[in-house]
Amino acid sequence: MSAFFASCQDPEGVGVDTSRQGITSLTAIFTSGPYKESEAVSHKIFADEYTSDRFVIPVPWFFPETSDNETEQYMTAMRVKAELNNNYIITPSITILDLTKR
């Protein structure tokens, strides 16, 4: 027995969005200290940053921002996560980064 499929509608193609880069946001997470596994900052990537090959993650000087707890000592080993558009990958993968380096 064979199957026959028919449709009265033409398929629509899915266009590729070339106006955007793959990274839409970056999140820095503490890997040590009293706020271990807490999100230090989530930074959205805006259109003017799409052509950049470097991104600045604005980690607050104090965490929580209303405290006197400085974040500098924890910035040498922050877990960074990236949110990507569909069909994008990052190689090599992002893991633990020293955010004090340029």
Protein backbone atom coordinates (compact mmCIF):
# COMPACT_ATOMS: atom_id res chain seq x y z
CA MET A 1 0.00 0.00 0.00
CA SER A 2 1.39 3.41 -0.92
CA ALA A 3 0.56 6.81 0.50
CA PHE A 4 -0.17 9.93 -1.48
CA PHE A 5 0.11 13.41 0.02
CA ALA A 6 -1.32 16.52 -1.59
CA SER A 7 -1.58 20.14 -0.61
CA CYS A 8 -3.22 23.16 -2.16
CA GLN A 9 -0.75 25.56 -0.54
CA ASP A 10 2.76 26.35 -1.76
CA PRO A 11 5.44 26.01 0.91
CA GLU A 12 7.05 29.19 2.19
CA GLY A 13 10.80 29.45 2.54
CA VAL A 14 12.40 30.49 5.77
CA GLY A 15 14.72 33.44 5.27
CA VAL A 16 18.08 33.85 6.91
CA ASP A 17 18.41 36.86 9.20
CA THR A 18 21.66 38.46 8.08
CA SER A 19 21.09 41.67 10.01
CA ARG A 20 22.06 40.08 13.34
CA GLN A 21 24.96 38.23 14.78
CA GLY A 22 24.57 35.00 16.68
CA ILE A 23 25.09 36.23 20.26
CA THR A 24 22.05 37.95 21.78
CA SER A 25 23.16 38.09 25.44
CA LEU A 26 25.99 37.19 27.79
CA THR A 27 25.54 36.22 31.44
CA ALA A 28 28.35 36.19 34.04
CA ILE A 29 27.95 33.85 37.01
CA PHE A 30 30.07 33.68 40.18
CA THR A 31 32.02 30.41 40.57
CA SER A 32 33.27 31.04 44.12
CA GLY A 33 32.62 33.07 47.25
CA PRO A 34 29.39 33.72 49.12
CA TYR A 35 27.41 34.26 45.90
CA LYS A 36 28.65 31.12 44.13
CA GLU A 37 26.25 30.11 41.29
CA SER A 38 24.53 33.52 41.47
CA GLU A 39 24.12 35.56 38.32
CA ALA A 40 26.31 38.67 38.57
CA VAL A 41 24.98 40.28 35.40
CA SER A 42 23.06 39.48 32.24
CA HIS A 43 24.10 41.73 29.35
CA LYS A 44 21.93 42.05 26.23
CA ILE A 45 23.84 42.56 22.97
CA PHE A 46 22.45 45.53 21.03
CA ALA A 47 22.59 46.23 17.29
CA ASP A 48 25.57 48.61 17.54
CA GLU A 49 27.65 45.76 19.05
CA TYR A 50 26.89 43.17 16.32
CA THR A 51 30.01 43.95 14.32
CA SER A 52 32.29 43.77 17.35
CA ASP A 53 34.67 40.87 17.90
CA ARG A 54 34.86 41.77 21.63
CA PHE A 55 32.11 42.30 24.15
CA VAL A 56 32.33 44.13 27.46
CA ILE A 57 30.29 42.52 30.24
CA PRO A 58 29.45 45.29 32.75
CA VAL A 59 29.90 43.38 36.03
CA PRO A 60 28.84 45.61 38.96
CA TRP A 61 31.58 46.79 41.30
CA PHE A 62 29.51 45.65 44.30
CA PHE A 63 27.25 42.59 44.57
CA PRO A 64 24.47 42.90 45.42
CA GLU A 65 24.74 46.45 44.12
CA THR A 66 23.33 47.89 47.36
CA SER A 67 26.06 46.20 49.46
CA ASP A 68 29.74 46.90 50.16
CA ASN A 69 30.84 43.48 48.81
CA GLU A 70 33.34 44.06 45.99
CA THR A 71 33.21 41.69 43.03
CA GLU A 72 36.78 42.22 41.76
CA GLN A 73 38.24 39.26 43.66
CA TYR A 74 35.73 36.89 42.00
CA MET A 75 36.10 38.21 38.44
CA THR A 76 39.19 36.12 37.66
CA ALA A 77 37.00 33.00 37.36
CA MET A 78 33.46 33.77 36.17
CA ARG A 79 31.29 31.31 34.27
CA VAL A 80 30.00 33.00 31.14
CA LYS A 81 26.93 31.79 29.29
CA ALA A 82 25.88 33.06 25.88
CA GLU A 83 22.38 33.13 24.45
CA LEU A 84 22.51 32.49 20.72
CA ASN A 85 20.17 32.86 17.78
CA ASN A 86 18.98 29.65 16.13
CA ASN A 87 21.61 27.76 14.11
CA TYR A 88 24.59 29.51 15.71
CA ILE A 89 27.41 27.90 17.67
CA ILE A 90 30.48 29.21 19.50
CA THR A 91 33.79 27.45 19.08
CA PRO A 92 35.75 27.05 21.19
CA SER A 93 33.00 26.94 23.78
CA ILE A 94 32.80 29.54 26.53
CA THR A 95 33.38 28.23 30.04
CA ILE A 96 35.21 29.88 32.93
CA LEU A 97 36.74 33.23 31.93
CA ASP A 98 38.98 35.77 33.63
CA LEU A 99 36.98 38.97 33.20
CA THR A 100 39.88 41.12 34.42
CA LYS A 101 41.81 40.44 31.17
CA ARG A 102 41.35 42.49 28.02
